PDB file of N, CA and C in Angstrom:
ATOM      1  N   MET A   1      68.278-134.131  39.325  1.00  0.00           N
ATOM      2  CA  MET A   1      69.467-134.836  38.886  1.00  0.00           C
ATOM      3  C   MET A   1      70.667-133.891  39.012  1.00  0.00           C
ATOM      4  N   LYS A   2      71.691-134.338  39.735  1.00  0.00           N
ATOM      5  CA  LYS A   2      72.903-133.551  39.919  1.00  0.00           C
ATOM      6  C   LYS A   2      73.834-133.739  38.727  1.00  0.00           C
ATOM      7  N   HIS A   3      74.659-132.719  38.495  1.00  0.00           N
ATOM      8  CA  HIS A   3      75.670-132.825  37.445  1.00  0.00           C
ATOM      9  C   HIS A   3      76.654-133.933  37.792  1.00  0.00           C
ATOM     10  N   SER A   4      77.009-134.726  36.798  1.00  0.00           N
ATOM     11  CA  SER A   4      78.063-135.727  36.970  1.00  0.00           C
ATOM     12  C   SER A   4      78.731-135.943  35.621  1.00  0.00           C
ATOM     13  N   ALA A   5      79.852-136.628  35.630  1.00  0.00           N
ATOM     14  CA  ALA A   5      80.558-136.916  34.379  1.00  0.00           C
ATOM     15  C   ALA A   5      79.693-137.758  33.450  1.00  0.00           C
ATOM     16  N   GLU A   6      78.844-138.599  34.020  1.00  0.00           N
ATOM     17  CA  GLU A   6      78.006-139.494  33.217  1.00  0.00           C
ATOM     18  C   GLU A   6      76.817-138.785  32.574  1.00  0.00           C
ATOM     19  N   ASN A   7      76.303-137.720  33.206  1.00  0.00           N
ATOM     20  CA  ASN A   7      75.087-137.100  32.672  1.00  0.00           C
ATOM     21  C   ASN A   7      75.289-135.687  32.136  1.00  0.00           C
ATOM     22  N   ILE A   8      76.511-135.211  32.071  1.00  0.00           N
ATOM     23  CA  ILE A   8      76.748-133.826  31.665  1.00  0.00           C
ATOM     24  C   ILE A   8      76.185-133.511  30.281  1.00  0.00           C
ATOM     25  N   VAL A   9      76.210-134.453  29.351  1.00  0.00           N
ATOM     26  CA  VAL A   9      75.724-134.163  27.996  1.00  0.00           C
ATOM     27  C   VAL A   9      74.204-134.022  27.959  1.00  0.00           C
ATOM     28  N   TYR A  10      73.515-134.448  29.006  1.00  0.00           N
ATOM     29  CA  TYR A  10      72.061-134.319  29.074  1.00  0.00           C
ATOM     30  C   TYR A  10      71.624-133.180  29.982  1.00  0.00           C
ATOM     31  N   HIS A  11      72.553-132.544  30.639  1.00  0.00           N
ATOM     32  CA  HIS A  11      72.237-131.598  31.700  1.00  0.00           C
ATOM     33  C   HIS A  11      72.256-130.152  31.211  1.00  0.00           C
ATOM     34  N   GLU A  12      71.698-129.286  32.012  1.00  0.00           N
ATOM     35  CA  GLU A  12      71.743-127.841  31.792  1.00  0.00           C
ATOM     36  C   GLU A  12      73.194-127.378  31.928  1.00  0.00           C
ATOM     37  N   LEU A  13      73.678-126.611  30.958  1.00  0.00           N
ATOM     38  CA  LEU A  13      75.066-126.157  30.972  1.00  0.00           C
ATOM     39  C   LEU A  13      75.211-124.718  31.458  1.00  0.00           C
ATOM     40  N   ILE A  14      74.126-123.961  31.439  1.00  0.00           N
ATOM     41  CA  ILE A  14      74.178-122.557  31.844  1.00  0.00           C
ATOM     42  C   ILE A  14      74.616-122.475  33.305  1.00  0.00           C
ATOM     43  N   GLY A  15      75.600-121.610  33.545  1.00  0.00           N
ATOM     44  CA  GLY A  15      76.118-121.421  34.889  1.00  0.00           C
ATOM     45  C   GLY A  15      77.411-122.168  35.157  1.00  0.00           C
ATOM     46  N   LEU A  16      77.769-123.103  34.281  1.00  0.00           N
ATOM     47  CA  LEU A  16      79.002-123.864  34.478  1.00  0.00           C
ATOM     48  C   LEU A  16      80.208-123.106  33.919  1.00  0.00           C
ATOM     49  N   GLU A  17      81.359-123.278  34.563  1.00  0.00           N
ATOM     50  CA  GLU A  17      82.609-122.758  34.020  1.00  0.00           C
ATOM     51  C   GLU A  17      83.007-123.648  32.851  1.00  0.00           C
ATOM     52  N   VAL A  18      83.520-123.031  31.796  1.00  0.00           N
ATOM     53  CA  VAL A  18      83.910-123.795  30.610  1.00  0.00           C
ATOM     54  C   VAL A  18      85.220-123.248  30.051  1.00  0.00           C
ATOM     55  N   THR A  19      86.020-124.154  29.500  1.00  0.00           N
ATOM     56  CA  THR A  19      87.244-123.794  28.782  1.00  0.00           C
ATOM     57  C   THR A  19      87.218-124.520  27.445  1.00  0.00           C
ATOM     58  N   VAL A  20      87.534-123.804  26.370  1.00  0.00           N
ATOM     59  CA  VAL A  20      87.629-124.426  25.047  1.00  0.00           C
ATOM     60  C   VAL A  20      89.024-125.040  24.956  1.00  0.00           C
ATOM     61  N   ILE A  21      89.092-126.386  24.868  1.00  0.00           N
ATOM     62  CA  ILE A  21      90.416-127.017  24.841  1.00  0.00           C
ATOM     63  C   ILE A  21      90.862-127.411  23.438  1.00  0.00           C
ATOM     64  N   LEU A  22      89.922-127.633  22.523  1.00  0.00           N
ATOM     65  CA  LEU A  22      90.219-127.873  21.107  1.00  0.00           C
ATOM     66  C   LEU A  22      89.094-127.260  20.291  1.00  0.00           C
ATOM     67  N   HIS A  23      89.429-126.710  19.131  1.00  0.00           N
ATOM     68  CA  HIS A  23      88.390-126.161  18.249  1.00  0.00           C
ATOM     69  C   HIS A  23      88.950-126.024  16.845  1.00  0.00           C
ATOM     70  N   SER A  24      88.064-126.116  15.864  1.00  0.00           N
ATOM     71  CA  SER A  24      88.502-125.933  14.476  1.00  0.00           C
ATOM     72  C   SER A  24      88.965-124.499  14.232  1.00  0.00           C
ATOM     73  N   ASP A  25      88.477-123.550  15.043  1.00  0.00           N
ATOM     74  CA  ASP A  25      88.939-122.164  14.988  1.00  0.00           C
ATOM     75  C   ASP A  25      89.991-121.990  16.089  1.00  0.00           C
ATOM     76  N   PRO A  26      91.261-121.974  15.731  1.00  0.00           N
ATOM     77  CA  PRO A  26      92.320-121.927  16.747  1.00  0.00           C
ATOM     78  C   PRO A  26      92.284-120.680  17.628  1.00  0.00           C
ATOM     79  N   THR A  27      91.633-119.611  17.185  1.00  0.00           N
ATOM     80  CA  THR A  27      91.555-118.403  18.009  1.00  0.00           C
ATOM     81  C   THR A  27      90.659-118.602  19.227  1.00  0.00           C
ATOM     82  N   LEU A  28      89.851-119.663  19.231  1.00  0.00           N
ATOM     83  CA  LEU A  28      88.953-119.923  20.357  1.00  0.00           C
ATOM     84  C   LEU A  28      89.578-120.822  21.421  1.00  0.00           C
ATOM     85  N   VAL A  29      90.651-121.525  21.074  1.00  0.00           N
ATOM     86  CA  VAL A  29      91.295-122.442  22.021  1.00  0.00           C
ATOM     87  C   VAL A  29      91.843-121.643  23.204  1.00  0.00           C
ATOM     88  N   GLY A  30      91.546-122.117  24.407  1.00  0.00           N
ATOM     89  CA  GLY A  30      91.994-121.447  25.624  1.00  0.00           C
ATOM     90  C   GLY A  30      90.991-120.462  26.183  1.00  0.00           C
ATOM     91  N   LEU A  31      89.961-120.157  25.413  1.00  0.00           N
ATOM     92  CA  LEU A  31      88.931-119.238  25.886  1.00  0.00           C
ATOM     93  C   LEU A  31      88.223-119.867  27.074  1.00  0.00           C
ATOM     94  N   ARG A  32      88.023-119.079  28.135  1.00  0.00           N
ATOM     95  CA  ARG A  32      87.344-119.629  29.303  1.00  0.00           C
ATOM     96  C   ARG A  32      86.391-118.598  29.879  1.00  0.00           C
ATOM     97  N   GLY A  33      85.343-119.108  30.503  1.00  0.00           N
ATOM     98  CA  GLY A  33      84.352-118.232  31.099  1.00  0.00           C
ATOM     99  C   GLY A  33      83.206-119.044  31.673  1.00  0.00           C
ATOM    100  N   ILE A  34      82.079-118.374  31.856  1.00  0.00           N
ATOM    101  CA  ILE A  34      80.868-118.993  32.399  1.00  0.00           C
ATOM    102  C   ILE A  34      79.838-119.073  31.277  1.00  0.00           C
ATOM    103  N   VAL A  35      79.190-120.222  31.123  1.00  0.00           N
ATOM    104  CA  VAL A  35      78.131-120.369  30.119  1.00  0.00           C
ATOM    105  C   VAL A  35      76.945-119.520  30.571  1.00  0.00           C
ATOM    106  N   ILE A  36      76.537-118.551  29.730  1.00  0.00           N
ATOM    107  CA  ILE A  36      75.405-117.694  30.085  1.00  0.00           C
ATOM    108  C   ILE A  36      74.189-117.932  29.202  1.00  0.00           C
ATOM    109  N   ASP A  37      74.376-118.618  28.075  1.00  0.00           N
ATOM    110  CA  ASP A  37      73.254-118.927  27.193  1.00  0.00           C
ATOM    111  C   ASP A  37      73.672-120.079  26.292  1.00  0.00           C
ATOM    112  N   GLU A  38      72.669-120.750  25.756  1.00  0.00           N
ATOM    113  CA  GLU A  38      72.937-121.894  24.891  1.00  0.00           C
ATOM    114  C   GLU A  38      71.848-121.968  23.836  1.00  0.00           C
ATOM    115  N   THR A  39      72.259-122.204  22.595  1.00  0.00           N
ATOM    116  CA  THR A  39      71.310-122.453  21.510  1.00  0.00           C
ATOM    117  C   THR A  39      71.599-123.847  20.967  1.00  0.00           C
ATOM    118  N   ARG A  40      70.903-124.222  19.928  1.00  0.00           N
ATOM    119  CA  ARG A  40      71.099-125.549  19.337  1.00  0.00           C
ATOM    120  C   ARG A  40      72.558-125.781  18.946  1.00  0.00           C
ATOM    121  N   TYR A  41      73.194-124.772  18.371  1.00  0.00           N
ATOM    122  CA  TYR A  41      74.537-124.950  17.820  1.00  0.00           C
ATOM    123  C   TYR A  41      75.640-124.157  18.514  1.00  0.00           C
ATOM    124  N   THR A  42      75.307-123.328  19.493  1.00  0.00           N
ATOM    125  CA  THR A  42      76.340-122.488  20.105  1.00  0.00           C
ATOM    126  C   THR A  42      76.228-122.428  21.627  1.00  0.00           C
ATOM    127  N   LEU A  43      77.352-122.086  22.238  1.00  0.00           N
ATOM    128  CA  LEU A  43      77.404-121.727  23.653  1.00  0.00           C
ATOM    129  C   LEU A  43      77.790-120.257  23.709  1.00  0.00           C
ATOM    130  N   LYS A  44      77.118-119.496  24.548  1.00  0.00           N
ATOM    131  CA  LYS A  44      77.509-118.111  24.769  1.00  0.00           C
ATOM    132  C   LYS A  44      78.167-118.066  26.140  1.00  0.00           C
ATOM    133  N   ILE A  45      79.424-117.624  26.155  1.00  0.00           N
ATOM    134  CA  ILE A  45      80.132-117.592  27.425  1.00  0.00           C
ATOM    135  C   ILE A  45      80.575-116.169  27.757  1.00  0.00           C
ATOM    136  N   ARG A  46      80.573-115.874  29.049  1.00  0.00           N
ATOM    137  CA  ARG A  46      81.017-114.566  29.525  1.00  0.00           C
ATOM    138  C   ARG A  46      82.473-114.698  29.937  1.00  0.00           C
ATOM    139  N   THR A  47      83.319-113.944  29.246  1.00  0.00           N
ATOM    140  CA  THR A  47      84.752-113.949  29.530  1.00  0.00           C
ATOM    141  C   THR A  47      85.137-112.592  30.108  1.00  0.00           C
ATOM    142  N   ARG A  48      86.384-112.451  30.491  1.00  0.00           N
ATOM    143  CA  ARG A  48      86.864-111.154  30.990  1.00  0.00           C
ATOM    144  C   ARG A  48      86.821-110.089  29.900  1.00  0.00           C
ATOM    145  N   GLU A  49      86.921-110.527  28.646  1.00  0.00           N
ATOM    146  CA  GLU A  49      86.923-109.595  27.514  1.00  0.00           C
ATOM    147  C   GLU A  49      85.526-109.328  26.971  1.00  0.00           C
ATOM    148  N   GLY A  50      84.514-109.950  27.554  1.00  0.00           N
ATOM    149  CA  GLY A  50      83.143-109.771  27.073  1.00  0.00           C
ATOM    150  C   GLY A  50      82.510-111.104  26.719  1.00  0.00           C
ATOM    151  N   ASP A  51      81.313-111.032  26.169  1.00  0.00           N
ATOM    152  CA  ASP A  51      80.568-112.241  25.818  1.00  0.00           C
ATOM    153  C   ASP A  51      81.004-112.757  24.450  1.00  0.00           C
ATOM    154  N   LYS A  52      81.172-114.074  24.354  1.00  0.00           N
ATOM    155  CA  LYS A  52      81.596-114.718  23.104  1.00  0.00           C
ATOM    156  C   LYS A  52      80.641-115.853  22.783  1.00  0.00           C
ATOM    157  N   ARG A  53      80.321-116.020  21.499  1.00  0.00           N
ATOM    158  CA  ARG A  53      79.476-117.133  21.057  1.00  0.00           C
ATOM    159  C   ARG A  53      80.383-118.150  20.363  1.00  0.00           C
ATOM    160  N   ILE A  54      80.342-119.387  20.853  1.00  0.00           N
ATOM    161  CA  ILE A  54      81.244-120.440  20.383  1.00  0.00           C
ATOM    162  C   ILE A  54      80.437-121.560  19.733  1.00  0.00           C
ATOM    163  N   PRO A  55      80.736-121.936  18.484  1.00  0.00           N
ATOM    164  CA  PRO A  55      80.062-123.092  17.871  1.00  0.00           C
ATOM    165  C   PRO A  55      80.408-124.376  18.637  1.00  0.00           C
ATOM    166  N   LYS A  56      79.391-125.169  18.939  1.00  0.00           N
ATOM    167  CA  LYS A  56      79.596-126.423  19.680  1.00  0.00           C
ATOM    168  C   LYS A  56      80.231-127.500  18.814  1.00  0.00           C
ATOM    169  N   LEU A  57      79.765-127.625  17.590  1.00  0.00           N
ATOM    170  CA  LEU A  57      80.055-128.787  16.756  1.00  0.00           C
ATOM    171  C   LEU A  57      81.540-129.077  16.567  1.00  0.00           C
ATOM    172  N   TYR A  58      82.348-128.068  16.426  1.00  0.00           N
ATOM    173  CA  TYR A  58      83.746-128.286  16.057  1.00  0.00           C
ATOM    174  C   TYR A  58      84.707-128.116  17.220  1.00  0.00           C
ATOM    175  N   GLY A  59      84.223-128.306  18.446  1.00  0.00           N
ATOM    176  CA  GLY A  59      85.083-128.092  19.594  1.00  0.00           C
ATOM    177  C   GLY A  59      85.034-129.201  20.624  1.00  0.00           C
ATOM    178  N   VAL A  60      85.987-129.130  21.526  1.00  0.00           N
ATOM    179  CA  VAL A  60      85.990-129.961  22.731  1.00  0.00           C
ATOM    180  C   VAL A  60      86.059-128.986  23.895  1.00  0.00           C
ATOM    181  N   PHE A  61      85.159-129.181  24.855  1.00  0.00           N
ATOM    182  CA  PHE A  61      84.997-128.243  25.952  1.00  0.00           C
ATOM    183  C   PHE A  61      85.274-128.928  27.284  1.00  0.00           C
ATOM    184  N   ARG A  62      85.898-128.199  28.201  1.00  0.00           N
ATOM    185  CA  ARG A  62      86.123-128.709  29.558  1.00  0.00           C
ATOM    186  C   ARG A  62      85.191-127.934  30.492  1.00  0.00           C
ATOM    187  N   PHE A  63      84.238-128.656  31.064  1.00  0.00           N
ATOM    188  CA  PHE A  63      83.287-128.060  31.994  1.00  0.00           C
ATOM    189  C   PHE A  63      83.712-128.377  33.418  1.00  0.00           C
ATOM    190  N   ARG A  64      83.624-127.377  34.288  1.00  0.00           N
ATOM    191  CA  ARG A  64      83.870-127.595  35.718  1.00  0.00           C
ATOM    192  C   ARG A  64      82.505-127.718  36.387  1.00  0.00           C
ATOM    193  N   LEU A  65      82.263-128.880  36.975  1.00  0.00           N
ATOM    194  CA  LEU A  65      81.001-129.151  37.644  1.00  0.00           C
ATOM    195  C   LEU A  65      80.991-128.497  39.023  1.00  0.00           C
ATOM    196  N   PRO A  66      79.795-128.293  39.609  1.00  0.00           N
ATOM    197  CA  PRO A  66      79.724-127.686  40.946  1.00  0.00           C
ATOM    198  C   PRO A  66      80.557-128.437  41.991  1.00  0.00           C
ATOM    199  N   SER A  67      80.764-129.726  41.797  1.00  0.00           N
ATOM    200  CA  SER A  67      81.571-130.533  42.726  1.00  0.00           C
ATOM    201  C   SER A  67      83.067-130.244  42.586  1.00  0.00           C
ATOM    202  N   GLY A  68      83.456-129.510  41.530  1.00  0.00           N
ATOM    203  CA  GLY A  68      84.860-129.230  41.260  1.00  0.00           C
ATOM    204  C   GLY A  68      85.461-130.153  40.212  1.00  0.00           C
ATOM    205  N   LEU A  69      84.765-131.231  39.889  1.00  0.00           N
ATOM    206  CA  LEU A  69      85.221-132.179  38.877  1.00  0.00           C
ATOM    207  C   LEU A  69      85.224-131.507  37.505  1.00  0.00           C
ATOM    208  N   GLU A  70      86.270-131.748  36.719  1.00  0.00           N
ATOM    209  CA  GLU A  70      86.339-131.220  35.357  1.00  0.00           C
ATOM    210  C   GLU A  70      86.081-132.351  34.377  1.00  0.00           C
ATOM    211  N   VAL A  71      85.207-132.085  33.398  1.00  0.00           N
ATOM    212  CA  VAL A  71      84.796-133.100  32.431  1.00  0.00           C
ATOM    213  C   VAL A  71      84.995-132.548  31.030  1.00  0.00           C
ATOM    214  N   ASP A  72      85.701-133.300  30.173  1.00  0.00           N
ATOM    215  CA  ASP A  72      85.877-132.917  28.774  1.00  0.00           C
ATOM    216  C   ASP A  72      84.736-133.506  27.953  1.00  0.00           C
ATOM    217  N   VAL A  73      84.127-132.652  27.111  1.00  0.00           N
ATOM    218  CA  VAL A  73      82.966-133.061  26.323  1.00  0.00           C
ATOM    219  C   VAL A  73      83.183-132.670  24.866  1.00  0.00           C
ATOM    220  N   ASP A  74      83.012-133.625  23.962  1.00  0.00           N
ATOM    221  CA  ASP A  74      83.047-133.343  22.528  1.00  0.00           C
ATOM    222  C   ASP A  74      81.798-132.534  22.194  1.00  0.00           C
ATOM    223  N   GLY A  75      81.977-131.419  21.532  1.00  0.00           N
ATOM    224  CA  GLY A  75      80.861-130.538  21.214  1.00  0.00           C
ATOM    225  C   GLY A  75      79.757-131.200  20.415  1.00  0.00           C
ATOM    226  N   SER A  76      80.097-132.207  19.610  1.00  0.00           N
ATOM    227  CA  SER A  76      79.058-132.878  18.817  1.00  0.00           C
ATOM    228  C   SER A  76      78.048-133.594  19.712  1.00  0.00           C
ATOM    229  N   LEU A  77      78.429-133.930  20.940  1.00  0.00           N
ATOM    230  CA  LEU A  77      77.515-134.610  21.864  1.00  0.00           C
ATOM    231  C   LEU A  77      76.505-133.666  22.503  1.00  0.00           C
ATOM    232  N   ILE A  78      76.791-132.360  22.454  1.00  0.00           N
ATOM    233  CA  ILE A  78      75.877-131.402  23.078  1.00  0.00           C
ATOM    234  C   ILE A  78      75.153-130.531  22.060  1.00  0.00           C
ATOM    235  N   VAL A  79      75.317-130.849  20.762  1.00  0.00           N
ATOM    236  CA  VAL A  79      74.572-130.121  19.737  1.00  0.00           C
ATOM    237  C   VAL A  79      73.097-130.461  19.896  1.00  0.00           C
ATOM    238  N   GLY A  80      72.267-129.458  19.842  1.00  0.00           N
ATOM    239  CA  GLY A  80      70.829-129.640  20.003  1.00  0.00           C
ATOM    240  C   GLY A  80      70.308-128.659  21.033  1.00  0.00           C
ATOM    241  N   ARG A  81      69.017-128.428  20.971  1.00  0.00           N
ATOM    242  CA  ARG A  81      68.416-127.521  21.937  1.00  0.00           C
ATOM    243  C   ARG A  81      68.532-128.129  23.331  1.00  0.00           C
ATOM    244  N   PRO A  82      68.848-127.307  24.320  1.00  0.00           N
ATOM    245  CA  PRO A  82      69.020-127.840  25.672  1.00  0.00           C
ATOM    246  C   PRO A  82      67.799-128.622  26.160  1.00  0.00           C
ATOM    247  N   GLU A  83      66.616-128.126  25.869  1.00  0.00           N
ATOM    248  CA  GLU A  83      65.399-128.804  26.337  1.00  0.00           C
ATOM    249  C   GLU A  83      65.203-130.160  25.661  1.00  0.00           C
ATOM    250  N   ASP A  84      65.685-130.306  24.425  1.00  0.00           N
ATOM    251  CA  ASP A  84      65.593-131.604  23.740  1.00  0.00           C
ATOM    252  C   ASP A  84      66.658-132.571  24.251  1.00  0.00           C
ATOM    253  N   ARG A  85      67.829-132.037  24.568  1.00  0.00           N
ATOM    254  CA  ARG A  85      68.910-132.873  25.080  1.00  0.00           C
ATOM    255  C   ARG A  85      68.522-133.502  26.418  1.00  0.00           C
ATOM    256  N   VAL A  86      67.858-132.738  27.253  1.00  0.00           N
ATOM    257  CA  VAL A  86      67.419-133.238  28.555  1.00  0.00           C
ATOM    258  C   VAL A  86      66.415-134.373  28.383  1.00  0.00           C
ATOM    259  N   LYS A  87      65.593-134.307  27.348  1.00  0.00           N
ATOM    260  CA  LYS A  87      64.577-135.339  27.107  1.00  0.00           C
ATOM    261  C   LYS A  87      65.189-136.670  26.682  1.00  0.00           C
ATOM    262  N   ARG A  88      66.457-136.665  26.236  1.00  0.00           N
ATOM    263  CA  ARG A  88      67.103-137.899  25.784  1.00  0.00           C
ATOM    264  C   ARG A  88      67.514-138.825  26.927  1.00  0.00           C
ATOM    265  N   VAL A  89      67.426-138.340  28.152  1.00  0.00           N
ATOM    266  CA  VAL A  89      67.831-139.147  29.306  1.00  0.00           C
ATOM    267  C   VAL A  89      66.879-140.323  29.451  1.00  0.00           C
ATOM    268  N   LYS A  90      67.444-141.495  29.642  1.00  0.00           N
ATOM    269  CA  LYS A  90      66.637-142.694  29.858  1.00  0.00           C
ATOM    270  C   LYS A  90      66.867-143.158  31.288  1.00  0.00           C
ATOM    271  N   PHE A  91      65.790-143.210  32.043  1.00  0.00           N
ATOM    272  CA  PHE A  91      65.885-143.642  33.435  1.00  0.00           C
ATOM    273  C   PHE A  91      65.667-145.140  33.526  1.00  0.00           C
ATOM    274  N   ARG A  92      66.374-145.759  34.435  1.00  0.00           N
ATOM    275  CA  ARG A  92      66.210-147.194  34.671  1.00  0.00           C
ATOM    276  C   ARG A  92      65.387-147.389  35.930  1.00  0.00           C
ATOM    277  N   ARG A  93      64.499-148.347  35.890  1.00  0.00           N
ATOM    278  CA  ARG A  93      63.742-148.690  37.085  1.00  0.00           C
ATOM    279  C   ARG A  93      64.588-149.612  37.938  1.00  0.00           C
ATOM    280  N   SER A  94      64.522-149.384  39.258  1.00  0.00           N
ATOM    281  CA  SER A  94      65.288-150.271  40.135  1.00  0.00           C
ATOM    282  C   SER A  94      64.428-151.353  40.730  1.00  0.00           C
TER     283      SER A  94
END
């Protein structure tokens, strides 16, 4: 399954470029980098200033997909272990 705007909340986020566009912690707004790790409640991103751990729940993130498309995602939609989030995908039979 390729990354798309429709499936980003179910997809692997590691390796994607990300920018924090809104957050309850204003010091995190504008932070950008590459997602290098993910836990149930946080994203770890590599920035020019070093690695930062960002809480997912209270933020809105802009992910750049491999196609170049940018998608804004409410952090509450990606809370959860990555492997469990992937299992939530429901496939339709054609």
